[in-house]
Protein backbone atom coordinates (compact mmCIF):
# COMPACT_ATOMS: atom_id res chain seq x y z
CA UNK A 1 67.56 105.80 104.71
CA UNK A 2 69.90 105.67 107.47
CA UNK A 3 72.54 108.33 107.76
CA UNK A 4 76.14 107.32 108.69
CA UNK A 5 79.08 109.11 110.02
CA UNK A 6 82.73 108.29 110.57
CA UNK A 7 83.77 107.97 114.18
CA UNK A 8 86.70 106.93 116.26
CA UNK A 9 87.04 104.64 119.19
CA UNK A 10 89.95 104.99 121.51
CA UNK A 11 91.21 101.63 120.65
CA UNK A 12 90.42 98.61 118.50
CA UNK A 13 88.13 96.04 119.79
CA UNK A 14 89.39 92.40 120.24
CA UNK A 15 86.89 89.84 119.41
CA UNK A 16 86.80 87.53 122.53
CA UNK A 17 83.89 85.34 123.51
CA UNK A 18 84.32 84.36 127.29
CA UNK A 19 82.04 83.80 130.22
CA UNK A 20 81.75 86.48 132.89
CA UNK A 21 80.01 87.19 136.05
CA UNK A 22 78.16 90.71 136.67
CA UNK A 23 77.81 91.96 140.16
CA UNK A 24 75.49 94.96 140.81
CA UNK A 25 75.77 97.47 143.75
CA UNK A 26 73.62 96.69 146.59
CA UNK A 27 72.71 93.16 145.19
CA UNK A 28 74.11 89.87 146.19
CA UNK A 29 72.82 88.32 143.10
CA UNK A 30 75.52 87.09 140.43
CA UNK A 31 74.27 87.52 136.95
CA UNK A 32 75.80 85.51 133.95
CA UNK A 33 76.76 86.92 130.64
CA UNK A 34 79.42 86.68 127.98
CA UNK A 35 81.88 89.06 126.16
CA UNK A 36 81.59 89.65 122.47
CA UNK A 37 84.60 91.92 122.21
CA UNK A 38 86.86 93.54 124.57
CA UNK A 39 89.41 96.33 124.79
CA UNK A 40 91.44 98.49 127.33
CA UNK A 41 88.58 100.74 127.83
CA UNK A 42 85.35 98.76 127.53
CA UNK A 43 83.62 95.73 126.62
CA UNK A 44 80.59 94.58 124.72
CA UNK A 45 78.48 91.90 126.48
CA UNK A 46 75.77 89.57 125.29
CA UNK A 47 73.56 86.91 126.85
CA UNK A 48 72.35 89.16 129.83
CA UNK A 49 68.81 88.74 130.68
CA UNK A 50 68.10 90.96 133.72
CA UNK A 51 67.23 94.41 134.43
CA UNK A 52 69.78 97.09 133.66
CA UNK A 53 69.99 100.70 132.67
CA UNK A 54 72.40 103.22 131.07
CA UNK A 55 74.53 104.58 133.80
CA UNK A 56 74.54 101.43 136.18
CA UNK A 57 77.70 100.66 137.65
CA UNK A 58 78.69 96.91 137.55
CA UNK A 59 81.69 94.65 138.49
CA UNK A 60 82.73 92.30 135.68
CA UNK A 61 84.74 89.13 136.82
CA UNK A 62 86.53 87.01 134.45
CA UNK A 63 88.17 84.10 136.05
CA UNK A 64 89.62 85.62 139.30
CA UNK A 65 90.02 89.13 138.03
CA UNK A 66 87.44 91.84 138.26
CA UNK A 67 86.98 95.59 137.62
CA UNK A 68 84.34 98.14 137.77
CA UNK A 69 82.41 99.28 134.59
CA UNK A 70 79.58 101.57 133.74
CA UNK A 71 76.79 100.75 131.30
CA UNK A 72 76.91 103.23 128.32
CA UNK A 73 74.42 101.57 125.95
CA UNK A 74 71.84 98.71 125.93
CA UNK A 75 70.25 97.15 122.86
CA UNK A 76 67.33 94.67 123.42
CA UNK A 77 67.60 91.67 121.11
CA UNK A 78 64.55 91.26 118.88
CA UNK A 79 61.91 88.51 120.09
CA UNK A 80 64.18 87.73 123.24
CA UNK A 81 64.71 88.84 126.74
CA UNK A 82 68.52 88.83 126.02
CA UNK A 83 70.34 92.33 125.96
CA UNK A 84 73.50 93.55 124.20
CA UNK A 85 75.42 95.94 126.75
CA UNK A 86 78.20 98.27 126.04
CA UNK A 87 80.13 99.01 129.07
CA UNK A 88 83.21 101.42 129.73
CA UNK A 89 85.96 100.36 132.06
CA UNK A 90 86.39 102.65 135.19
CA UNK A 91 89.62 100.82 136.21
CA UNK A 92 91.42 100.24 132.78
CA UNK A 93 94.74 99.61 134.52
CA UNK A 94 93.47 96.47 136.04
CA UNK A 95 93.82 94.10 132.95
CA UNK A 96 90.86 91.99 133.64
CA UNK A 97 91.35 90.12 130.33
CA UNK A 98 94.94 89.08 131.10
CA UNK A 99 96.69 91.33 128.96
CA UNK A 100 96.98 95.05 127.76
CA UNK A 101 95.69 95.61 124.18
CA UNK A 102 97.85 97.87 121.97
CA UNK A 103 96.44 101.44 121.58
CA UNK A 104 95.34 101.61 118.07
CA UNK A 105 92.54 104.05 116.93
CA UNK A 106 89.59 102.25 115.45
CA UNK A 107 87.53 104.04 112.77
CA UNK A 108 83.80 102.72 112.35
CA UNK A 109 80.68 103.85 110.68
CA UNK A 110 78.05 105.02 113.14
CA UNK A 111 74.35 104.53 111.82
CA UNK A 112 71.90 107.26 112.74
């Protein structure tokens, strides 16, 4: 039986499914993915099929805006090469998504 604990994110996530391009340090290859939800402090990505590890620094570009992010978690999808990725924004003032979201603490259940 999984244990759960209450936690708090810095801000609420906003559901947004938009295509993005990912750039990795030292590589000229552009990878494609899409957002699942976004906030001022981070993003959850889906549809990524390449190699990646926690701690990697990436640049995410949406339309013509881009910012640096750090991968904080990865969940491989079952029976697929696709991965879900959680990334923390290293430049939150850049407003990659076109707007600054209201700062509202988000409570959630964390599964152990």
